[in-house]
Amino acid sequence: MTRRASAAEQICRYAASVHRRGLTHGRTGNISVRLDQDRLLVTPTGSSLGDLTPDRLAVVDLAGRHLEGAAPSKEAFLHAALLRSRPHDNAVVHLHSHYAVAVSCLTGLRAEDPLPVLTPYYAMRVPRLVVLDYHAPGDRSLEPLAESLARETAALLIRQHGAVVAGRDLDTAADAIEELEATARLFLEVRALPHLELEASEAIRLRKGTSL
């Protein structure tokens, strides 16, 4: 199987999974996998992640320019920006998942690490999360900001929009964005109640050696 065929299969399989599990809805969310140094495979614009097929994916370059296939997601530039800044990462997942978006709508949210470290899994999979001001889907003014921040962190939360996470491969990016969503849900459920957070020293210990 070629690199492109393998990447297309991975994208379609994961896209169907997140749609089936309600982590994305309607025609929202986008996924990309790096094909080589200069190109990435990305989900098409105006599509549901629930019914993608490999032949419907798009190829763009690292500037986000359309090269082959269907018209790419209008947020392909965001995937390209993260992968330009993170040459050792090879996949990006962007979801408008319910609880992460809910957290992004809260006032008084910290710009860095807005979620408490409630579990060891969050510490291991999302070592640092940065909040960006609201940008509409497809707003390319987000590109330089995302590219700059991605040099320091693989996980971004865009206010009133959703999370975007890069990883060394699609499984890693998927694990991280799903852990972010699970922690957002926990945070919303316990924040008004007395609750425990992981000790800072334990969070630091768990975060050592992570690649995000």
C-alpha atoms as a PDB file:
ATOM      1  CA  MET A   1       0.000   0.000   0.000  1.00  0.00           C
ATOM      2  CA  THR A   2       1.331   3.444  -0.901  1.00  0.00           C
ATOM      3  CA  ARG A   3       1.862   6.172   1.682  1.00  0.00           C
ATOM      4  CA  ARG A   4      -1.053   8.116   0.204  1.00  0.00           C
ATOM      5  CA  ALA A   5      -3.409   5.131   0.215  1.00  0.00           C
ATOM      6  CA  SER A   6      -2.462   4.291   3.807  1.00  0.00           C
ATOM      7  CA  ALA A   7      -2.964   7.898   4.955  1.00  0.00           C
ATOM      8  CA  ALA A   8      -6.326   8.109   3.175  1.00  0.00           C
ATOM      9  CA  GLU A   9      -7.490   4.901   4.829  1.00  0.00           C
ATOM     10  CA  GLN A  10      -6.425   6.158   8.268  1.00  0.00           C
ATOM     11  CA  ILE A  11      -8.198   9.485   7.800  1.00  0.00           C
ATOM     12  CA  CYS A  12     -11.453   7.920   6.623  1.00  0.00           C
ATOM     13  CA  ARG A  13     -11.461   5.330   9.390  1.00  0.00           C
ATOM     14  CA  TYR A  14     -10.876   7.901  12.121  1.00  0.00           C
ATOM     15  CA  ALA A  15     -13.307  10.393  10.573  1.00  0.00           C
ATOM     16  CA  ALA A  16     -16.080   7.783  10.617  1.00  0.00           C
ATOM     17  CA  SER A  17     -15.233   6.924  14.229  1.00  0.00           C
ATOM     18  CA  VAL A  18     -15.392  10.485  15.586  1.00  0.00           C
ATOM     19  CA  HIS A  19     -18.627  11.168  13.720  1.00  0.00           C
ATOM     20  CA  ARG A  20     -20.228   7.948  14.978  1.00  0.00           C
ATOM     21  CA  ARG A  21     -19.259   8.775  18.555  1.00  0.00           C
ATOM     22  CA  GLY A  22     -20.630  12.314  18.382  1.00  0.00           C
ATOM     23  CA  LEU A  23     -17.264  14.085  18.645  1.00  0.00           C
ATOM     24  CA  THR A  24     -18.179  16.047  15.563  1.00  0.00           C
ATOM     25  CA  HIS A  25     -21.514  16.817  13.984  1.00  0.00           C
ATOM     26  CA  GLY A  26     -22.975  17.744  10.640  1.00  0.00           C
ATOM     27  CA  ARG A  27     -20.301  18.934   8.229  1.00  0.00           C
ATOM     28  CA  THR A  28     -17.801  20.103  10.830  1.00  0.00           C
ATOM     29  CA  GLY A  29     -14.255  19.111  11.713  1.00  0.00           C
ATOM     30  CA  ASN A  30     -11.234  18.336   9.568  1.00  0.00           C
ATOM     31  CA  ILE A  31      -8.286  15.953   9.628  1.00  0.00           C
ATOM     32  CA  SER A  32      -4.925  15.885   7.860  1.00  0.00           C
ATOM     33  CA  VAL A  33      -1.922  13.584   7.535  1.00  0.00           C
ATOM     34  CA  ARG A  34       1.472  14.566   6.153  1.00  0.00           C
ATOM     35  CA  LEU A  35       2.351  12.717   2.944  1.00  0.00           C
ATOM     36  CA  ASP A  36       5.938  13.939   2.601  1.00  0.00           C
ATOM     37  CA  GLN A  37       8.052  16.988   3.315  1.00  0.00           C
ATOM     38  CA  ASP A  38       5.946  19.243   1.102  1.00  0.00           C
ATOM     39  CA  ARG A  39       2.393  17.856   0.985  1.00  0.00           C
ATOM     40  CA  LEU A  40      -0.455  16.788   3.232  1.00  0.00           C
ATOM     41  CA  LEU A  41      -3.694  14.916   2.690  1.00  0.00           C
ATOM     42  CA  VAL A  42      -6.728  16.700   4.157  1.00  0.00           C
ATOM     43  CA  THR A  43     -10.474  16.214   4.349  1.00  0.00           C
ATOM     44  CA  PRO A  44     -12.522  18.114   1.756  1.00  0.00           C
ATOM     45  CA  THR A  45     -14.609  21.216   2.270  1.00  0.00           C
ATOM     46  CA  GLY A  46     -18.310  20.941   3.015  1.00  0.00           C
ATOM     47  CA  SER A  47     -18.139  17.257   3.890  1.00  0.00           C
ATOM     48  CA  SER A  48     -19.388  15.152   6.760  1.00  0.00           C
ATOM     49  CA  LEU A  49     -16.702  13.143   8.497  1.00  0.00           C
ATOM     50  CA  GLY A  50     -19.255  10.356   8.690  1.00  0.00           C
ATOM     51  CA  ASP A  51     -19.216   9.432   5.022  1.00  0.00           C
ATOM     52  CA  LEU A  52     -15.761  10.162   3.596  1.00  0.00           C
ATOM     53  CA  THR A  53     -14.082   7.909   1.040  1.00  0.00           C
ATOM     54  CA  PRO A  54     -10.367   7.941   0.122  1.00  0.00           C
ATOM     55  CA  ASP A  55     -11.028   9.242  -3.385  1.00  0.00           C
ATOM     56  CA  ARG A  56     -12.691  12.384  -1.980  1.00  0.00           C
ATOM     57  CA  LEU A  57      -9.688  13.671  -0.030  1.00  0.00           C
ATOM     58  CA  ALA A  58      -7.573  16.666  -1.067  1.00  0.00           C
ATOM     59  CA  VAL A  59      -3.841  17.241  -1.327  1.00  0.00           C
ATOM     60  CA  VAL A  60      -2.414  20.626  -0.322  1.00  0.00           C
ATOM     61  CA  ASP A  61       1.115  21.914   0.061  1.00  0.00           C
ATOM     62  CA  LEU A  62       2.611  23.294   3.260  1.00  0.00           C
ATOM     63  CA  ALA A  63       1.371  26.749   2.352  1.00  0.00           C
ATOM     64  CA  GLY A  64      -2.182  25.370   2.255  1.00  0.00           C
ATOM     65  CA  ARG A  65      -2.452  25.634  -1.541  1.00  0.00           C
ATOM     66  CA  HIS A  66      -4.664  23.095  -3.291  1.00  0.00           C
ATOM     67  CA  LEU A  67      -2.668  20.653  -5.428  1.00  0.00           C
ATOM     68  CA  GLU A  68      -4.889  17.651  -6.179  1.00  0.00           C
ATOM     69  CA  GLY A  69      -8.242  16.032  -5.521  1.00  0.00           C
ATOM     70  CA  ALA A  70     -11.390  17.579  -4.105  1.00  0.00           C
ATOM     71  CA  ALA A  71     -11.487  21.158  -2.848  1.00  0.00           C
ATOM     72  CA  PRO A  72      -9.826  21.061   0.590  1.00  0.00           C
ATOM     73  CA  SER A  73     -11.318  22.148   3.882  1.00  0.00           C
ATOM     74  CA  LYS A  74     -11.337  25.929   4.199  1.00  0.00           C
ATOM     75  CA  GLU A  75      -9.185  25.364   7.294  1.00  0.00           C
ATOM     76  CA  ALA A  76      -6.475  23.424   5.453  1.00  0.00           C
ATOM     77  CA  PHE A  77      -4.237  26.468   5.954  1.00  0.00           C
ATOM     78  CA  LEU A  78      -4.472  25.870   9.720  1.00  0.00           C
ATOM     79  CA  HIS A  79      -3.262  22.277   9.357  1.00  0.00           C
ATOM     80  CA  ALA A  80      -0.427  23.446   7.114  1.00  0.00           C
ATOM     81  CA  ALA A  81       0.561  26.148   9.613  1.00  0.00           C
ATOM     82  CA  LEU A  82       0.861  23.649  12.478  1.00  0.00           C
ATOM     83  CA  LEU A  83       2.838  21.162  10.408  1.00  0.00           C
ATOM     84  CA  ARG A  84       5.215  23.873   9.153  1.00  0.00           C
ATOM     85  CA  SER A  85       6.017  24.742  12.755  1.00  0.00           C
ATOM     86  CA  ARG A  86       6.194  21.128  13.898  1.00  0.00           C
ATOM     87  CA  PRO A  87       8.348  19.190  11.408  1.00  0.00           C
ATOM     88  CA  HIS A  88       8.371  16.088  13.604  1.00  0.00           C
ATOM     89  CA  ASP A  89       4.557  15.923  13.677  1.00  0.00           C
ATOM     90  CA  ASN A  90       2.651  14.302  10.871  1.00  0.00           C
ATOM     91  CA  ALA A  91      -1.062  14.724  11.587  1.00  0.00           C
ATOM     92  CA  VAL A  92      -3.563  17.355  12.730  1.00  0.00           C
ATOM     93  CA  VAL A  93      -7.121  16.926  14.028  1.00  0.00           C
ATOM     94  CA  HIS A  94      -9.537  19.841  14.366  1.00  0.00           C
ATOM     95  CA  LEU A  95     -12.932  19.169  15.968  1.00  0.00           C
ATOM     96  CA  HIS A  96     -15.857  21.299  17.114  1.00  0.00           C
ATOM     97  CA  SER A  97     -16.519  18.834  19.923  1.00  0.00           C
ATOM     98  CA  HIS A  98     -19.223  19.799  22.408  1.00  0.00           C
ATOM     99  CA  TYR A  99     -17.385  20.173  25.717  1.00  0.00           C
ATOM    100  CA  ALA A 100     -14.199  21.731  24.365  1.00  0.00           C
ATOM    101  CA  VAL A 101     -16.298  24.340  22.573  1.00  0.00           C
ATOM    102  CA  ALA A 102     -18.344  24.889  25.745  1.00  0.00           C
ATOM    103  CA  VAL A 103     -15.153  25.588  27.716  1.00  0.00           C
ATOM    104  CA  SER A 104     -13.971  27.945  24.964  1.00  0.00           C
ATOM    105  CA  CYS A 105     -17.138  30.023  25.517  1.00  0.00           C
ATOM    106  CA  LEU A 106     -16.487  30.600  29.233  1.00  0.00           C
ATOM    107  CA  THR A 107     -15.464  34.056  30.413  1.00  0.00           C
ATOM    108  CA  GLY A 108     -12.448  34.401  32.675  1.00  0.00           C
ATOM    109  CA  LEU A 109     -10.626  31.548  30.966  1.00  0.00           C
ATOM    110  CA  ARG A 110      -6.842  31.471  31.366  1.00  0.00           C
ATOM    111  CA  ALA A 111      -4.993  31.993  28.083  1.00  0.00           C
ATOM    112  CA  GLU A 112      -2.598  29.178  28.949  1.00  0.00           C
ATOM    113  CA  ASP A 113      -3.601  25.858  30.472  1.00  0.00           C
ATOM    114  CA  PRO A 114      -7.279  26.775  30.921  1.00  0.00           C
ATOM    115  CA  LEU A 115      -8.130  23.246  32.004  1.00  0.00           C
ATOM    116  CA  PRO A 116      -6.955  21.850  35.357  1.00  0.00           C
ATOM    117  CA  VAL A 117      -4.965  18.637  35.332  1.00  0.00           C
ATOM    118  CA  LEU A 118      -7.633  16.331  36.711  1.00  0.00           C
ATOM    119  CA  THR A 119      -6.223  13.003  35.505  1.00  0.00           C
ATOM    120  CA  PRO A 120      -2.829  11.553  34.603  1.00  0.00           C
ATOM    121  CA  TYR A 121      -4.044  10.932  31.054  1.00  0.00           C
ATOM    122  CA  TYR A 122      -4.510  14.648  30.424  1.00  0.00           C
ATOM    123  CA  ALA A 123      -1.004  15.391  31.712  1.00  0.00           C
ATOM    124  CA  MET A 124       0.500  12.734  29.441  1.00  0.00           C
ATOM    125  CA  ARG A 125      -1.474  13.528  26.289  1.00  0.00           C
ATOM    126  CA  VAL A 126      -2.012  17.300  26.461  1.00  0.00           C
ATOM    127  CA  PRO A 127       1.059  18.763  28.158  1.00  0.00           C
ATOM    128  CA  ARG A 128       0.119  22.364  27.321  1.00  0.00           C
ATOM    129  CA  LEU A 129      -3.034  23.993  25.957  1.00  0.00           C
ATOM    130  CA  VAL A 130      -3.188  27.580  24.689  1.00  0.00           C
ATOM    131  CA  VAL A 131      -6.389  29.564  24.083  1.00  0.00           C
ATOM    132  CA  LEU A 132      -6.688  31.741  20.972  1.00  0.00           C
ATOM    133  CA  ASP A 133      -9.170  34.547  20.476  1.00  0.00           C
ATOM    134  CA  TYR A 134     -12.203  33.841  18.300  1.00  0.00           C
ATOM    135  CA  HIS A 135     -11.626  33.386  14.573  1.00  0.00           C
ATOM    136  CA  ALA A 136     -14.368  32.332  12.193  1.00  0.00           C
ATOM    137  CA  PRO A 137     -13.862  29.119  10.216  1.00  0.00           C
ATOM    138  CA  GLY A 138     -11.625  29.889   7.246  1.00  0.00           C
ATOM    139  CA  ASP A 139     -10.325  33.198   8.657  1.00  0.00           C
ATOM    140  CA  ARG A 140      -6.717  33.231   7.469  1.00  0.00           C
ATOM    141  CA  SER A 141      -5.737  35.904   9.967  1.00  0.00           C
ATOM    142  CA  LEU A 142      -5.483  32.929  12.348  1.00  0.00           C
ATOM    143  CA  GLU A 143      -2.632  31.426  10.313  1.00  0.00           C
ATOM    144  CA  PRO A 144       0.401  33.421  11.583  1.00  0.00           C
ATOM    145  CA  LEU A 145      -0.788  33.240  15.182  1.00  0.00           C
ATOM    146  CA  ALA A 146      -1.335  29.477  15.038  1.00  0.00           C
ATOM    147  CA  GLU A 147       1.995  28.960  13.305  1.00  0.00           C
ATOM    148  CA  SER A 148       3.827  30.945  15.979  1.00  0.00           C
ATOM    149  CA  LEU A 149       2.117  29.253  18.939  1.00  0.00           C
ATOM    150  CA  ALA A 150       2.558  25.788  17.430  1.00  0.00           C
ATOM    151  CA  ARG A 151       6.316  26.118  17.885  1.00  0.00           C
ATOM    152  CA  GLU A 152       5.667  25.849  21.628  1.00  0.00           C
ATOM    153  CA  THR A 153       2.592  23.628  21.868  1.00  0.00           C
ATOM    154  CA  ALA A 154       0.700  21.061  19.806  1.00  0.00           C
ATOM    155  CA  ALA A 155      -2.722  21.877  21.298  1.00  0.00           C
ATOM    156  CA  LEU A 156      -4.756  25.026  20.647  1.00  0.00           C
ATOM    157  CA  LEU A 157      -8.299  25.958  21.681  1.00  0.00           C
ATOM    158  CA  ILE A 158      -9.971  28.613  19.522  1.00  0.00           C
ATOM    159  CA  ARG A 159     -12.655  30.524  21.390  1.00  0.00           C
ATOM    160  CA  GLN A 160     -16.234  29.733  20.331  1.00  0.00           C
ATOM    161  CA  HIS A 161     -14.853  27.464  17.626  1.00  0.00           C
ATOM    162  CA  GLY A 162     -13.001  24.329  18.706  1.00  0.00           C
ATOM    163  CA  ALA A 163      -9.723  22.565  19.409  1.00  0.00           C
ATOM    164  CA  VAL A 164      -6.912  21.782  16.993  1.00  0.00           C
ATOM    165  CA  VAL A 165      -4.139  19.350  17.906  1.00  0.00           C
ATOM    166  CA  ALA A 166      -1.043  18.074  16.111  1.00  0.00           C
ATOM    167  CA  GLY A 167       0.700  14.783  16.825  1.00  0.00           C
ATOM    168  CA  ARG A 168       3.540  12.631  15.569  1.00  0.00           C
ATOM    169  CA  ASP A 169       0.909  10.478  13.863  1.00  0.00           C
ATOM    170  CA  LEU A 170      -2.861  10.404  13.560  1.00  0.00           C
ATOM    171  CA  ASP A 171      -3.306   8.092  16.547  1.00  0.00           C
ATOM    172  CA  THR A 172      -1.338  10.486  18.774  1.00  0.00           C
ATOM    173  CA  ALA A 173      -3.247  13.562  17.621  1.00  0.00           C
ATOM    174  CA  ALA A 174      -6.540  11.688  18.043  1.00  0.00           C
ATOM    175  CA  ASP A 175      -5.662  10.545  21.562  1.00  0.00           C
ATOM    176  CA  ALA A 176      -4.760  14.099  22.554  1.00  0.00           C
ATOM    177  CA  ILE A 177      -7.843  15.841  21.186  1.00  0.00           C
ATOM    178  CA  GLU A 178     -10.133  13.192  22.679  1.00  0.00           C
ATOM    179  CA  GLU A 179      -8.413  13.514  26.067  1.00  0.00           C
ATOM    180  CA  LEU A 180      -8.870  17.279  25.814  1.00  0.00           C
ATOM    181  CA  GLU A 181     -12.591  16.762  25.163  1.00  0.00           C
ATOM    182  CA  ALA A 182     -12.925  14.294  28.068  1.00  0.00           C
ATOM    183  CA  THR A 183     -11.150  16.685  30.443  1.00  0.00           C
ATOM    184  CA  ALA A 184     -13.302  19.600  29.277  1.00  0.00           C
ATOM    185  CA  ARG A 185     -16.357  17.546  30.176  1.00  0.00           C
ATOM    186  CA  LEU A 186     -14.946  16.614  33.590  1.00  0.00           C
ATOM    187  CA  PHE A 187     -14.036  20.238  34.256  1.00  0.00           C
ATOM    188  CA  LEU A 188     -17.554  21.458  33.496  1.00  0.00           C
ATOM    189  CA  GLU A 189     -19.039  18.744  35.698  1.00  0.00           C
ATOM    190  CA  VAL A 190     -16.835  19.290  38.774  1.00  0.00           C
ATOM    191  CA  ARG A 191     -15.781  22.941  38.679  1.00  0.00           C
ATOM    192  CA  ALA A 192     -18.665  24.083  40.911  1.00  0.00           C
ATOM    193  CA  LEU A 193     -17.979  21.254  43.397  1.00  0.00           C
ATOM    194  CA  PRO A 194     -15.094  20.538  45.763  1.00  0.00           C
ATOM    195  CA  HIS A 195     -12.697  18.493  43.639  1.00  0.00           C
ATOM    196  CA  LEU A 196      -9.158  17.168  43.408  1.00  0.00           C
ATOM    197  CA  GLU A 197      -6.521  18.115  40.868  1.00  0.00           C
ATOM    198  CA  LEU A 198      -3.316  16.251  40.192  1.00  0.00           C
ATOM    199  CA  GLU A 199      -0.386  17.445  42.292  1.00  0.00           C
ATOM    200  CA  ALA A 200       1.819  19.806  40.262  1.00  0.00           C
ATOM    201  CA  SER A 201       4.875  17.621  40.828  1.00  0.00           C
ATOM    202  CA  GLU A 202       3.021  14.571  39.527  1.00  0.00           C
ATOM    203  CA  ALA A 203       1.795  16.464  36.468  1.00  0.00           C
ATOM    204  CA  ILE A 204       5.370  17.575  35.709  1.00  0.00           C
ATOM    205  CA  ARG A 205       6.640  14.017  36.152  1.00  0.00           C
ATOM    206  CA  LEU A 206       4.034  12.642  33.767  1.00  0.00           C
ATOM    207  CA  ARG A 207       4.632  15.349  31.188  1.00  0.00           C
ATOM    208  CA  LYS A 208       8.343  14.627  30.942  1.00  0.00           C
ATOM    209  CA  GLY A 209       9.112  12.699  27.823  1.00  0.00           C
ATOM    210  CA  THR A 210       5.894  13.575  26.012  1.00  0.00           C
ATOM    211  CA  SER A 211       6.260  14.785  22.454  1.00  0.00           C
ATOM    212  CA  LEU A 212       3.284  17.129  22.109  1.00  0.00           C
END
